[in-house]
PDB file of N, CA and C in Angstrom:
ATOM      1  N   MET A   1    -163.132  53.176 -31.586  1.00  0.00           N
ATOM      2  CA  MET A   1    -164.109  52.555 -30.698  1.00  0.00           C
ATOM      3  C   MET A   1    -164.470  51.175 -31.239  1.00  0.00           C
ATOM      4  N   ILE A   2    -164.648  50.215 -30.377  1.00  0.00           N
ATOM      5  CA  ILE A   2    -164.854  48.833 -30.773  1.00  0.00           C
ATOM      6  C   ILE A   2    -166.102  48.653 -31.622  1.00  0.00           C
ATOM      7  N   GLU A   3    -167.196  49.278 -31.256  1.00  0.00           N
ATOM      8  CA  GLU A   3    -168.456  49.049 -31.938  1.00  0.00           C
ATOM      9  C   GLU A   3    -168.455  49.524 -33.391  1.00  0.00           C
ATOM     10  N   THR A   4    -167.583  50.464 -33.741  1.00  0.00           N
ATOM     11  CA  THR A   4    -167.602  50.999 -35.097  1.00  0.00           C
ATOM     12  C   THR A   4    -166.520  50.423 -36.002  1.00  0.00           C
ATOM     13  N   ASP A   5    -165.622  49.633 -35.478  1.00  0.00           N
ATOM     14  CA  ASP A   5    -164.569  49.026 -36.290  1.00  0.00           C
ATOM     15  C   ASP A   5    -165.163  47.857 -37.074  1.00  0.00           C
ATOM     16  N   PRO A   6    -165.255  47.964 -38.411  1.00  0.00           N
ATOM     17  CA  PRO A   6    -165.906  46.912 -39.195  1.00  0.00           C
ATOM     18  C   PRO A   6    -165.194  45.557 -39.129  1.00  0.00           C
ATOM     19  N   ASP A   7    -163.869  45.565 -39.004  1.00  0.00           N
ATOM     20  CA  ASP A   7    -163.141  44.291 -38.920  1.00  0.00           C
ATOM     21  C   ASP A   7    -163.472  43.557 -37.619  1.00  0.00           C
ATOM     22  N   MET A   8    -163.484  44.288 -36.524  1.00  0.00           N
ATOM     23  CA  MET A   8    -163.800  43.663 -35.241  1.00  0.00           C
ATOM     24  C   MET A   8    -165.255  43.222 -35.192  1.00  0.00           C
ATOM     25  N   ARG A   9    -166.124  43.995 -35.788  1.00  0.00           N
ATOM     26  CA  ARG A   9    -167.538  43.609 -35.843  1.00  0.00           C
ATOM     27  C   ARG A   9    -167.708  42.324 -36.640  1.00  0.00           C
ATOM     28  N   ALA A  10    -166.946  42.190 -37.723  1.00  0.00           N
ATOM     29  CA  ALA A  10    -167.025  40.985 -38.553  1.00  0.00           C
ATOM     30  C   ALA A  10    -166.515  39.770 -37.783  1.00  0.00           C
ATOM     31  N   VAL A  11    -165.417  39.922 -37.066  1.00  0.00           N
ATOM     32  CA  VAL A  11    -164.876  38.819 -36.264  1.00  0.00           C
ATOM     33  C   VAL A  11    -165.870  38.443 -35.168  1.00  0.00           C
ATOM     34  N   GLU A  12    -166.426  39.435 -34.506  1.00  0.00           N
ATOM     35  CA  GLU A  12    -167.406  39.194 -33.443  1.00  0.00           C
ATOM     36  C   GLU A  12    -168.639  38.467 -33.982  1.00  0.00           C
ATOM     37  N   ALA A  13    -169.159  38.907 -35.102  1.00  0.00           N
ATOM     38  CA  ALA A  13    -170.340  38.279 -35.691  1.00  0.00           C
ATOM     39  C   ALA A  13    -170.058  36.847 -36.120  1.00  0.00           C
ATOM     40  N   THR A  14    -168.894  36.618 -36.697  1.00  0.00           N
ATOM     41  CA  THR A  14    -168.513  35.269 -37.126  1.00  0.00           C
ATOM     42  C   THR A  14    -168.431  34.326 -35.936  1.00  0.00           C
ATOM     43  N   LEU A  15    -167.786  34.771 -34.885  1.00  0.00           N
ATOM     44  CA  LEU A  15    -167.634  33.941 -33.689  1.00  0.00           C
ATOM     45  C   LEU A  15    -168.972  33.719 -32.991  1.00  0.00           C
ATOM     46  N   PHE A  16    -169.801  34.746 -32.965  1.00  0.00           N
ATOM     47  CA  PHE A  16    -171.113  34.642 -32.323  1.00  0.00           C
ATOM     48  C   PHE A  16    -172.025  33.670 -33.068  1.00  0.00           C
ATOM     49  N   ALA A  17    -171.955  33.661 -34.377  1.00  0.00           N
ATOM     50  CA  ALA A  17    -172.846  32.825 -35.184  1.00  0.00           C
ATOM     51  C   ALA A  17    -172.420  31.358 -35.220  1.00  0.00           C
ATOM     52  N   SER A  18    -171.197  31.092 -34.830  1.00  0.00           N
ATOM     53  CA  SER A  18    -170.687  29.724 -34.889  1.00  0.00           C
ATOM     54  C   SER A  18    -171.201  28.897 -33.716  1.00  0.00           C
ATOM     55  N   ASP A  19    -171.541  27.644 -33.998  1.00  0.00           N
ATOM     56  CA  ASP A  19    -171.988  26.751 -32.927  1.00  0.00           C
ATOM     57  C   ASP A  19    -170.822  25.977 -32.324  1.00  0.00           C
ATOM     58  N   GLN A  20    -169.637  26.157 -32.848  1.00  0.00           N
ATOM     59  CA  GLN A  20    -168.432  25.485 -32.362  1.00  0.00           C
ATOM     60  C   GLN A  20    -167.337  26.529 -32.141  1.00  0.00           C
ATOM     61  N   PRO A  21    -166.401  26.276 -31.214  1.00  0.00           N
ATOM     62  CA  PRO A  21    -165.245  27.170 -31.100  1.00  0.00           C
ATOM     63  C   PRO A  21    -164.499  27.224 -32.435  1.00  0.00           C
ATOM     64  N   MET A  22    -163.922  28.376 -32.735  1.00  0.00           N
ATOM     65  CA  MET A  22    -163.261  28.574 -34.026  1.00  0.00           C
ATOM     66  C   MET A  22    -161.812  29.000 -33.832  1.00  0.00           C
ATOM     67  N   THR A  23    -160.943  28.492 -34.706  1.00  0.00           N
ATOM     68  CA  THR A  23    -159.541  28.916 -34.700  1.00  0.00           C
ATOM     69  C   THR A  23    -159.423  30.223 -35.480  1.00  0.00           C
ATOM     70  N   VAL A  24    -158.283  30.858 -35.337  1.00  0.00           N
ATOM     71  CA  VAL A  24    -158.025  32.097 -36.068  1.00  0.00           C
ATOM     72  C   VAL A  24    -158.137  31.852 -37.572  1.00  0.00           C
ATOM     73  N   GLU A  25    -157.637  30.707 -38.025  1.00  0.00           N
ATOM     74  CA  GLU A  25    -157.685  30.389 -39.456  1.00  0.00           C
ATOM     75  C   GLU A  25    -159.127  30.221 -39.941  1.00  0.00           C
ATOM     76  N   GLN A  26    -159.953  29.587 -39.125  1.00  0.00           N
ATOM     77  CA  GLN A  26    -161.357  29.411 -39.508  1.00  0.00           C
ATOM     78  C   GLN A  26    -162.071  30.759 -39.585  1.00  0.00           C
ATOM     79  N   ILE A  27    -161.811  31.631 -38.621  1.00  0.00           N
ATOM     80  CA  ILE A  27    -162.426  32.962 -38.638  1.00  0.00           C
ATOM     81  C   ILE A  27    -161.944  33.736 -39.859  1.00  0.00           C
ATOM     82  N   ARG A  28    -160.649  33.632 -40.143  1.00  0.00           N
ATOM     83  CA  ARG A  28    -160.075  34.331 -41.300  1.00  0.00           C
ATOM     84  C   ARG A  28    -160.738  33.868 -42.607  1.00  0.00           C
ATOM     85  N   GLY A  29    -161.160  32.601 -42.644  1.00  0.00           N
ATOM     86  CA  GLY A  29    -161.859  32.097 -43.823  1.00  0.00           C
ATOM     87  C   GLY A  29    -163.173  32.830 -44.087  1.00  0.00           C
ATOM     88  N   TYR A  30    -163.780  33.368 -43.034  1.00  0.00           N
ATOM     89  CA  TYR A  30    -165.037  34.114 -43.189  1.00  0.00           C
ATOM     90  C   TYR A  30    -164.811  35.605 -43.407  1.00  0.00           C
ATOM     91  N   VAL A  31    -163.856  36.188 -42.678  1.00  0.00           N
ATOM     92  CA  VAL A  31    -163.703  37.644 -42.729  1.00  0.00           C
ATOM     93  C   VAL A  31    -162.662  38.112 -43.728  1.00  0.00           C
ATOM     94  N   GLY A  32    -161.833  37.203 -44.233  1.00  0.00           N
ATOM     95  CA  GLY A  32    -160.845  37.580 -45.242  1.00  0.00           C
ATOM     96  C   GLY A  32    -159.451  37.723 -44.659  1.00  0.00           C
ATOM     97  N   ASP A  33    -158.472  37.681 -45.556  1.00  0.00           N
ATOM     98  CA  ASP A  33    -157.062  37.742 -45.156  1.00  0.00           C
ATOM     99  C   ASP A  33    -156.617  39.142 -44.756  1.00  0.00           C
ATOM    100  N   SER A  34    -157.369  40.154 -45.143  1.00  0.00           N
ATOM    101  CA  SER A  34    -156.955  41.533 -44.833  1.00  0.00           C
ATOM    102  C   SER A  34    -157.214  41.910 -43.374  1.00  0.00           C
ATOM    103  N   VAL A  35    -157.997  41.110 -42.664  1.00  0.00           N
ATOM    104  CA  VAL A  35    -158.346  41.414 -41.271  1.00  0.00           C
ATOM    105  C   VAL A  35    -157.318  40.784 -40.337  1.00  0.00           C
ATOM    106  N   ASP A  36    -156.841  41.567 -39.362  1.00  0.00           N
ATOM    107  CA  ASP A  36    -155.942  41.049 -38.336  1.00  0.00           C
ATOM    108  C   ASP A  36    -156.807  40.400 -37.253  1.00  0.00           C
ATOM    109  N   VAL A  37    -157.101  39.129 -37.455  1.00  0.00           N
ATOM    110  CA  VAL A  37    -158.037  38.403 -36.598  1.00  0.00           C
ATOM    111  C   VAL A  37    -157.511  38.291 -35.170  1.00  0.00           C
ATOM    112  N   SER A  38    -156.234  38.022 -35.014  1.00  0.00           N
ATOM    113  CA  SER A  38    -155.655  37.873 -33.673  1.00  0.00           C
ATOM    114  C   SER A  38    -155.804  39.154 -32.863  1.00  0.00           C
ATOM    115  N   ALA A  39    -155.517  40.290 -33.479  1.00  0.00           N
ATOM    116  CA  ALA A  39    -155.644  41.572 -32.783  1.00  0.00           C
ATOM    117  C   ALA A  39    -157.106  41.858 -32.451  1.00  0.00           C
ATOM    118  N   ALA A  40    -157.992  41.539 -33.387  1.00  0.00           N
ATOM    119  CA  ALA A  40    -159.412  41.765 -33.149  1.00  0.00           C
ATOM    120  C   ALA A  40    -159.914  40.912 -31.995  1.00  0.00           C
ATOM    121  N   LEU A  41    -159.491  39.657 -31.930  1.00  0.00           N
ATOM    122  CA  LEU A  41    -159.904  38.776 -30.837  1.00  0.00           C
ATOM    123  C   LEU A  41    -159.381  39.261 -29.493  1.00  0.00           C
ATOM    124  N   THR A  42    -158.146  39.730 -29.474  1.00  0.00           N
ATOM    125  CA  THR A  42    -157.574  40.244 -28.230  1.00  0.00           C
ATOM    126  C   THR A  42    -158.343  41.464 -27.745  1.00  0.00           C
ATOM    127  N   GLN A  43    -158.679  42.359 -28.663  1.00  0.00           N
ATOM    128  CA  GLN A  43    -159.428  43.556 -28.286  1.00  0.00           C
ATOM    129  C   GLN A  43    -160.858  43.204 -27.875  1.00  0.00           C
ATOM    130  N   LEU A  44    -161.458  42.252 -28.564  1.00  0.00           N
ATOM    131  CA  LEU A  44    -162.811  41.834 -28.181  1.00  0.00           C
ATOM    132  C   LEU A  44    -162.817  41.161 -26.807  1.00  0.00           C
ATOM    133  N   ALA A  45    -161.794  40.361 -26.523  1.00  0.00           N
ATOM    134  CA  ALA A  45    -161.697  39.725 -25.210  1.00  0.00           C
ATOM    135  C   ALA A  45    -161.602  40.788 -24.120  1.00  0.00           C
ATOM    136  N   ALA A  46    -160.841  41.841 -24.367  1.00  0.00           N
ATOM    137  CA  ALA A  46    -160.728  42.930 -23.394  1.00  0.00           C
ATOM    138  C   ALA A  46    -162.062  43.671 -23.266  1.00  0.00           C
ATOM    139  N   HIS A  47    -162.745  43.852 -24.382  1.00  0.00           N
ATOM    140  CA  HIS A  47    -164.040  44.546 -24.374  1.00  0.00           C
ATOM    141  C   HIS A  47    -165.095  43.778 -23.576  1.00  0.00           C
ATOM    142  N   TYR A  48    -165.101  42.462 -23.707  1.00  0.00           N
ATOM    143  CA  TYR A  48    -166.105  41.639 -23.031  1.00  0.00           C
ATOM    144  C   TYR A  48    -165.715  41.271 -21.596  1.00  0.00           C
ATOM    145  N   GLN A  49    -164.505  41.577 -21.184  1.00  0.00           N
ATOM    146  CA  GLN A  49    -164.059  41.225 -19.843  1.00  0.00           C
ATOM    147  C   GLN A  49    -164.931  41.941 -18.805  1.00  0.00           C
ATOM    148  N   GLY A  50    -165.420  41.170 -17.836  1.00  0.00           N
ATOM    149  CA  GLY A  50    -166.254  41.742 -16.783  1.00  0.00           C
ATOM    150  C   GLY A  50    -167.728  41.816 -17.128  1.00  0.00           C
ATOM    151  N   ARG A  51    -168.115  41.350 -18.295  1.00  0.00           N
ATOM    152  CA  ARG A  51    -169.521  41.361 -18.701  1.00  0.00           C
ATOM    153  C   ARG A  51    -170.153  39.997 -18.438  1.00  0.00           C
ATOM    154  N   GLY A  52    -171.399  39.851 -18.787  1.00  0.00           N
ATOM    155  CA  GLY A  52    -172.120  38.598 -18.573  1.00  0.00           C
ATOM    156  C   GLY A  52    -171.654  37.474 -19.469  1.00  0.00           C
ATOM    157  N   ILE A  53    -171.136  37.827 -20.634  1.00  0.00           N
ATOM    158  CA  ILE A  53    -170.515  36.838 -21.513  1.00  0.00           C
ATOM    159  C   ILE A  53    -169.106  37.316 -21.804  1.00  0.00           C
ATOM    160  N   GLU A  54    -168.264  36.390 -22.191  1.00  0.00           N
ATOM    161  CA  GLU A  54    -166.898  36.753 -22.511  1.00  0.00           C
ATOM    162  C   GLU A  54    -166.392  35.887 -23.656  1.00  0.00           C
ATOM    163  N   ILE A  55    -165.381  36.384 -24.332  1.00  0.00           N
ATOM    164  CA  ILE A  55    -164.726  35.621 -25.389  1.00  0.00           C
ATOM    165  C   ILE A  55    -163.473  35.029 -24.776  1.00  0.00           C
ATOM    166  N   VAL A  56    -163.344  33.710 -24.881  1.00  0.00           N
ATOM    167  CA  VAL A  56    -162.194  33.037 -24.282  1.00  0.00           C
ATOM    168  C   VAL A  56    -161.529  32.125 -25.308  1.00  0.00           C
ATOM    169  N   GLN A  57    -160.252  31.848 -25.049  1.00  0.00           N
ATOM    170  CA  GLN A  57    -159.489  30.954 -25.914  1.00  0.00           C
ATOM    171  C   GLN A  57    -159.255  29.654 -25.167  1.00  0.00           C
ATOM    172  N   ARG A  58    -159.604  28.545 -25.797  1.00  0.00           N
ATOM    173  CA  ARG A  58    -159.342  27.208 -25.263  1.00  0.00           C
ATOM    174  C   ARG A  58    -158.481  26.491 -26.292  1.00  0.00           C
ATOM    175  N   GLY A  59    -157.229  26.285 -25.934  1.00  0.00           N
ATOM    176  CA  GLY A  59    -156.308  25.722 -26.912  1.00  0.00           C
ATOM    177  C   GLY A  59    -156.079  26.738 -28.013  1.00  0.00           C
ATOM    178  N   LYS A  60    -156.373  26.360 -29.237  1.00  0.00           N
ATOM    179  CA  LYS A  60    -156.230  27.284 -30.366  1.00  0.00           C
ATOM    180  C   LYS A  60    -157.559  27.858 -30.819  1.00  0.00           C
ATOM    181  N   ALA A  61    -158.649  27.470 -30.166  1.00  0.00           N
ATOM    182  CA  ALA A  61    -159.987  27.894 -30.594  1.00  0.00           C
ATOM    183  C   ALA A  61    -160.553  28.961 -29.656  1.00  0.00           C
ATOM    184  N   TRP A  62    -161.359  29.833 -30.227  1.00  0.00           N
ATOM    185  CA  TRP A  62    -162.017  30.914 -29.488  1.00  0.00           C
ATOM    186  C   TRP A  62    -163.520  30.673 -29.481  1.00  0.00           C
ATOM    187  N   HIS A  63    -164.173  31.097 -28.397  1.00  0.00           N
ATOM    188  CA  HIS A  63    -165.629  30.982 -28.329  1.00  0.00           C
ATOM    189  C   HIS A  63    -166.185  31.918 -27.265  1.00  0.00           C
ATOM    190  N   PHE A  64    -167.494  32.150 -27.345  1.00  0.00           N
ATOM    191  CA  PHE A  64    -168.206  32.901 -26.318  1.00  0.00           C
ATOM    192  C   PHE A  64    -168.591  31.936 -25.212  1.00  0.00           C
ATOM    193  N   GLN A  65    -168.599  32.412 -23.975  1.00  0.00           N
ATOM    194  CA  GLN A  65    -169.097  31.607 -22.865  1.00  0.00           C
ATOM    195  C   GLN A  65    -169.697  32.541 -21.822  1.00  0.00           C
ATOM    196  N   THR A  66    -170.521  31.988 -20.966  1.00  0.00           N
ATOM    197  CA  THR A  66    -171.086  32.730 -19.857  1.00  0.00           C
ATOM    198  C   THR A  66    -169.982  33.022 -18.848  1.00  0.00           C
ATOM    199  N   ALA A  67    -170.027  34.187 -18.252  1.00  0.00           N
ATOM    200  CA  ALA A  67    -169.048  34.516 -17.225  1.00  0.00           C
ATOM    201  C   ALA A  67    -169.139  33.486 -16.103  1.00  0.00           C
ATOM    202  N   PRO A  68    -168.009  32.940 -15.662  1.00  0.00           N
ATOM    203  CA  PRO A  68    -168.040  31.880 -14.652  1.00  0.00           C
ATOM    204  C   PRO A  68    -168.762  32.251 -13.366  1.00  0.00           C
ATOM    205  N   ASP A  69    -168.685  33.527 -12.971  1.00  0.00           N
ATOM    206  CA  ASP A  69    -169.331  33.923 -11.723  1.00  0.00           C
ATOM    207  C   ASP A  69    -170.856  34.019 -11.851  1.00  0.00           C
ATOM    208  N   LEU A  70    -171.387  33.913 -13.069  1.00  0.00           N
ATOM    209  CA  LEU A  70    -172.841  33.965 -13.276  1.00  0.00           C
ATOM    210  C   LEU A  70    -173.439  32.619 -13.657  1.00  0.00           C
ATOM    211  N   ALA A  71    -172.615  31.595 -13.723  1.00  0.00           N
ATOM    212  CA  ALA A  71    -173.091  30.276 -14.147  1.00  0.00           C
ATOM    213  C   ALA A  71    -174.200  29.752 -13.242  1.00  0.00           C
ATOM    214  N   HIS A  72    -174.159  30.096 -11.962  1.00  0.00           N
ATOM    215  CA  HIS A  72    -175.195  29.613 -11.034  1.00  0.00           C
ATOM    216  C   HIS A  72    -176.588  30.115 -11.401  1.00  0.00           C
ATOM    217  N   LEU A  73    -176.674  31.241 -12.084  1.00  0.00           N
ATOM    218  CA  LEU A  73    -177.972  31.771 -12.498  1.00  0.00           C
ATOM    219  C   LEU A  73    -178.619  30.923 -13.585  1.00  0.00           C
ATOM    220  N   LEU A  74    -177.802  30.249 -14.358  1.00  0.00           N
ATOM    221  CA  LEU A  74    -178.304  29.479 -15.488  1.00  0.00           C
ATOM    222  C   LEU A  74    -178.507  28.012 -15.164  1.00  0.00           C
ATOM    223  N   ARG A  75    -178.055  27.590 -13.999  1.00  0.00           N
ATOM    224  CA  ARG A  75    -178.202  26.205 -13.602  1.00  0.00           C
ATOM    225  C   ARG A  75    -179.636  25.955 -13.173  1.00  0.00           C
ATOM    226  N   ARG A  76    -180.208  24.900 -13.647  1.00  0.00           N
ATOM    227  CA  ARG A  76    -181.574  24.544 -13.272  1.00  0.00           C
ATOM    228  C   ARG A  76    -181.593  23.109 -12.796  1.00  0.00           C
ATOM    229  N   GLU A  77    -182.457  22.872 -11.831  1.00  0.00           N
ATOM    230  CA  GLU A  77    -182.627  21.508 -11.364  1.00  0.00           C
ATOM    231  C   GLU A  77    -183.388  20.738 -12.433  1.00  0.00           C
ATOM    232  N   ARG A  78    -182.885  19.595 -12.787  1.00  0.00           N
ATOM    233  CA  ARG A  78    -183.523  18.774 -13.799  1.00  0.00           C
ATOM    234  C   ARG A  78    -184.232  17.612 -13.148  1.00  0.00           C
ATOM    235  N   GLU A  79    -185.450  17.399 -13.536  1.00  0.00           N
ATOM    236  CA  GLU A  79    -186.173  16.242 -13.049  1.00  0.00           C
ATOM    237  C   GLU A  79    -185.766  15.044 -13.886  1.00  0.00           C
ATOM    238  N   GLU A  80    -185.369  13.998 -13.201  1.00  0.00           N
ATOM    239  CA  GLU A  80    -185.018  12.781 -13.902  1.00  0.00           C
ATOM    240  C   GLU A  80    -186.243  11.884 -13.948  1.00  0.00           C
ATOM    241  N   SER A  81    -186.656  11.554 -15.127  1.00  0.00           N
ATOM    242  CA  SER A  81    -187.784  10.637 -15.238  1.00  0.00           C
ATOM    243  C   SER A  81    -187.245   9.215 -15.218  1.00  0.00           C
ATOM    244  N   ARG A  82    -187.812   8.433 -14.329  1.00  0.00           N
ATOM    245  CA  ARG A  82    -187.393   7.040 -14.227  1.00  0.00           C
ATOM    246  C   ARG A  82    -188.593   6.171 -14.549  1.00  0.00           C
ATOM    247  N   LYS A  83    -188.320   5.046 -15.137  1.00  0.00           N
ATOM    248  CA  LYS A  83    -189.397   4.117 -15.454  1.00  0.00           C
ATOM    249  C   LYS A  83    -189.923   3.506 -14.165  1.00  0.00           C
ATOM    250  N   LEU A  84    -191.233   3.333 -14.130  1.00  0.00           N
ATOM    251  CA  LEU A  84    -191.837   2.671 -12.983  1.00  0.00           C
ATOM    252  C   LEU A  84    -191.624   1.166 -13.079  1.00  0.00           C
ATOM    253  N   SER A  85    -191.510   0.551 -11.935  1.00  0.00           N
ATOM    254  CA  SER A  85    -191.370  -0.904 -11.928  1.00  0.00           C
ATOM    255  C   SER A  85    -192.699  -1.527 -12.347  1.00  0.00           C
ATOM    256  N   ARG A  86    -192.632  -2.791 -12.689  1.00  0.00           N
ATOM    257  CA  ARG A  86    -193.847  -3.494 -13.087  1.00  0.00           C
ATOM    258  C   ARG A  86    -194.875  -3.506 -11.950  1.00  0.00           C
ATOM    259  N   ALA A  87    -194.408  -3.692 -10.723  1.00  0.00           N
ATOM    260  CA  ALA A  87    -195.296  -3.694  -9.565  1.00  0.00           C
ATOM    261  C   ALA A  87    -195.980  -2.338  -9.391  1.00  0.00           C
ATOM    262  N   ALA A  88    -195.238  -1.256  -9.612  1.00  0.00           N
ATOM    263  CA  ALA A  88    -195.814   0.076  -9.481  1.00  0.00           C
ATOM    264  C   ALA A  88    -196.867   0.320 -10.549  1.00  0.00           C
ATOM    265  N   VAL A  89    -196.590  -0.105 -11.779  1.00  0.00           N
ATOM    266  CA  VAL A  89    -197.556   0.063 -12.871  1.00  0.00           C
ATOM    267  C   VAL A  89    -198.823  -0.744 -12.576  1.00  0.00           C
ATOM    268  N   GLU A  90    -198.651  -1.965 -12.099  1.00  0.00           N
ATOM    269  CA  GLU A  90    -199.807  -2.799 -11.736  1.00  0.00           C
ATOM    270  C   GLU A  90    -200.638  -2.131 -10.651  1.00  0.00           C
ATOM    271  N   THR A  91    -199.967  -1.620  -9.646  1.00  0.00           N
ATOM    272  CA  THR A  91    -200.667  -0.964  -8.531  1.00  0.00           C
ATOM    273  C   THR A  91    -201.430   0.257  -9.020  1.00  0.00           C
ATOM    274  N   LEU A  92    -200.810   1.073  -9.845  1.00  0.00           N
ATOM    275  CA  LEU A  92    -201.494   2.262 -10.377  1.00  0.00           C
ATOM    276  C   LEU A  92    -202.683   1.875 -11.245  1.00  0.00           C
ATOM    277  N   ALA A  93    -202.538   0.819 -12.017  1.00  0.00           N
ATOM    278  CA  ALA A  93    -203.650   0.366 -12.859  1.00  0.00           C
ATOM    279  C   ALA A  93    -204.822  -0.103 -11.994  1.00  0.00           C
ATOM    280  N   ILE A  94    -204.511  -0.807 -10.937  1.00  0.00           N
ATOM    281  CA  ILE A  94    -205.572  -1.276 -10.033  1.00  0.00           C
ATOM    282  C   ILE A  94    -206.267  -0.098  -9.366  1.00  0.00           C
ATOM    283  N   ILE A  95    -205.480   0.874  -8.912  1.00  0.00           N
ATOM    284  CA  ILE A  95    -206.070   2.057  -8.274  1.00  0.00           C
ATOM    285  C   ILE A  95    -206.953   2.802  -9.266  1.00  0.00           C
ATOM    286  N   ALA A  96    -206.488   2.971 -10.490  1.00  0.00           N
ATOM    287  CA  ALA A  96    -207.272   3.695 -11.491  1.00  0.00           C
ATOM    288  C   ALA A  96    -208.574   2.972 -11.821  1.00  0.00           C
ATOM    289  N   TYR A  97    -208.551   1.664 -11.853  1.00  0.00           N
ATOM    290  CA  TYR A  97    -209.734   0.881 -12.236  1.00  0.00           C
ATOM    291  C   TYR A  97    -210.695   0.674 -11.074  1.00  0.00           C
ATOM    292  N   HIS A  98    -210.172   0.460  -9.876  1.00  0.00           N
ATOM    293  CA  HIS A  98    -211.009   0.100  -8.727  1.00  0.00           C
ATOM    294  C   HIS A  98    -211.180   1.210  -7.700  1.00  0.00           C
ATOM    295  N   GLU A  99    -210.797   2.392  -7.973  1.00  0.00           N
ATOM    296  CA  GLU A  99    -210.821   3.456  -6.972  1.00  0.00           C
ATOM    297  C   GLU A  99    -212.205   3.625  -6.387  1.00  0.00           C
ATOM    298  N   PRO A 100    -212.399   3.822  -5.107  1.00  0.00           N
ATOM    299  CA  PRO A 100    -211.425   3.759  -4.023  1.00  0.00           C
ATOM    300  C   PRO A 100    -211.110   2.317  -3.671  1.00  0.00           C
ATOM    301  N   VAL A 101    -209.870   2.094  -3.305  1.00  0.00           N
ATOM    302  CA  VAL A 101    -209.401   0.752  -3.003  1.00  0.00           C
ATOM    303  C   VAL A 101    -208.382   0.820  -1.875  1.00  0.00           C
ATOM    304  N   SER A 102    -208.381  -0.176  -1.012  1.00  0.00           N
ATOM    305  CA  SER A 102    -207.435  -0.195   0.103  1.00  0.00           C
ATOM    306  C   SER A 102    -206.190  -0.986  -0.295  1.00  0.00           C
ATOM    307  N   ARG A 103    -205.172  -0.882   0.545  1.00  0.00           N
ATOM    308  CA  ARG A 103    -203.932  -1.596   0.285  1.00  0.00           C
ATOM    309  C   ARG A 103    -204.161  -3.106   0.290  1.00  0.00           C
ATOM    310  N   ALA A 104    -204.963  -3.569   1.206  1.00  0.00           N
ATOM    311  CA  ALA A 104    -205.251  -5.004   1.294  1.00  0.00           C
ATOM    312  C   ALA A 104    -205.947  -5.493   0.021  1.00  0.00           C
ATOM    313  N   GLU A 105    -206.877  -4.689  -0.515  1.00  0.00           N
ATOM    314  CA  GLU A 105    -207.578  -5.066  -1.747  1.00  0.00           C
ATOM    315  C   GLU A 105    -206.591  -5.084  -2.935  1.00  0.00           C
ATOM    316  N   ILE A 106    -205.690  -4.131  -2.971  1.00  0.00           N
ATOM    317  CA  ILE A 106    -204.681  -4.087  -4.057  1.00  0.00           C
ATOM    318  C   ILE A 106    -203.821  -5.355  -4.000  1.00  0.00           C
ATOM    319  N   GLU A 107    -203.374  -5.711  -2.814  1.00  0.00           N
ATOM    320  CA  GLU A 107    -202.519  -6.890  -2.669  1.00  0.00           C
ATOM    321  C   GLU A 107    -203.273  -8.164  -3.022  1.00  0.00           C
ATOM    322  N   ALA A 108    -204.579  -8.208  -2.677  1.00  0.00           N
ATOM    323  CA  ALA A 108    -205.380  -9.372  -3.027  1.00  0.00           C
ATOM    324  C   ALA A 108    -205.542  -9.498  -4.543  1.00  0.00           C
ATOM    325  N   ILE A 109    -205.793  -8.396  -5.213  1.00  0.00           N
ATOM    326  CA  ILE A 109    -205.958  -8.409  -6.669  1.00  0.00           C
ATOM    327  C   ILE A 109    -204.643  -8.795  -7.337  1.00  0.00           C
ATOM    328  N   ARG A 110    -203.525  -8.255  -6.840  1.00  0.00           N
ATOM    329  CA  ARG A 110    -202.219  -8.551  -7.431  1.00  0.00           C
ATOM    330  C   ARG A 110    -201.753  -9.965  -7.081  1.00  0.00           C
ATOM    331  N   GLY A 111    -202.328 -10.547  -6.058  1.00  0.00           N
ATOM    332  CA  GLY A 111    -201.915 -11.885  -5.650  1.00  0.00           C
ATOM    333  C   GLY A 111    -200.648 -11.908  -4.849  1.00  0.00           C
ATOM    334  N   VAL A 112    -200.376 -10.837  -4.156  1.00  0.00           N
ATOM    335  CA  VAL A 112    -199.171 -10.731  -3.354  1.00  0.00           C
ATOM    336  C   VAL A 112    -199.417 -11.271  -1.962  1.00  0.00           C
TER     337      VAL A 112
END
């Protein structure tokens, strides 16, 4: 069973703890030469297939990733903060200082 095999658990833990994709050689550096890393990765990939996360190979490196069909759940709309123009800052400053104020009064103060 996958969960009780110490070699596969070691490979899984090494890959999970890494912040970068790892090659078989890099993983072997952590788990030792006695572990068949390639076989463990293949079995782990099969074990994670169809789950929310999966182990995938990109080039020669392996890493965990979110299942592609669930990526939409993790996408969030990001608010982009943009700098206000000088005119906008001036207008807001006038409103804050002179409130209540009309548009005509703002334009008169700004000299527009």
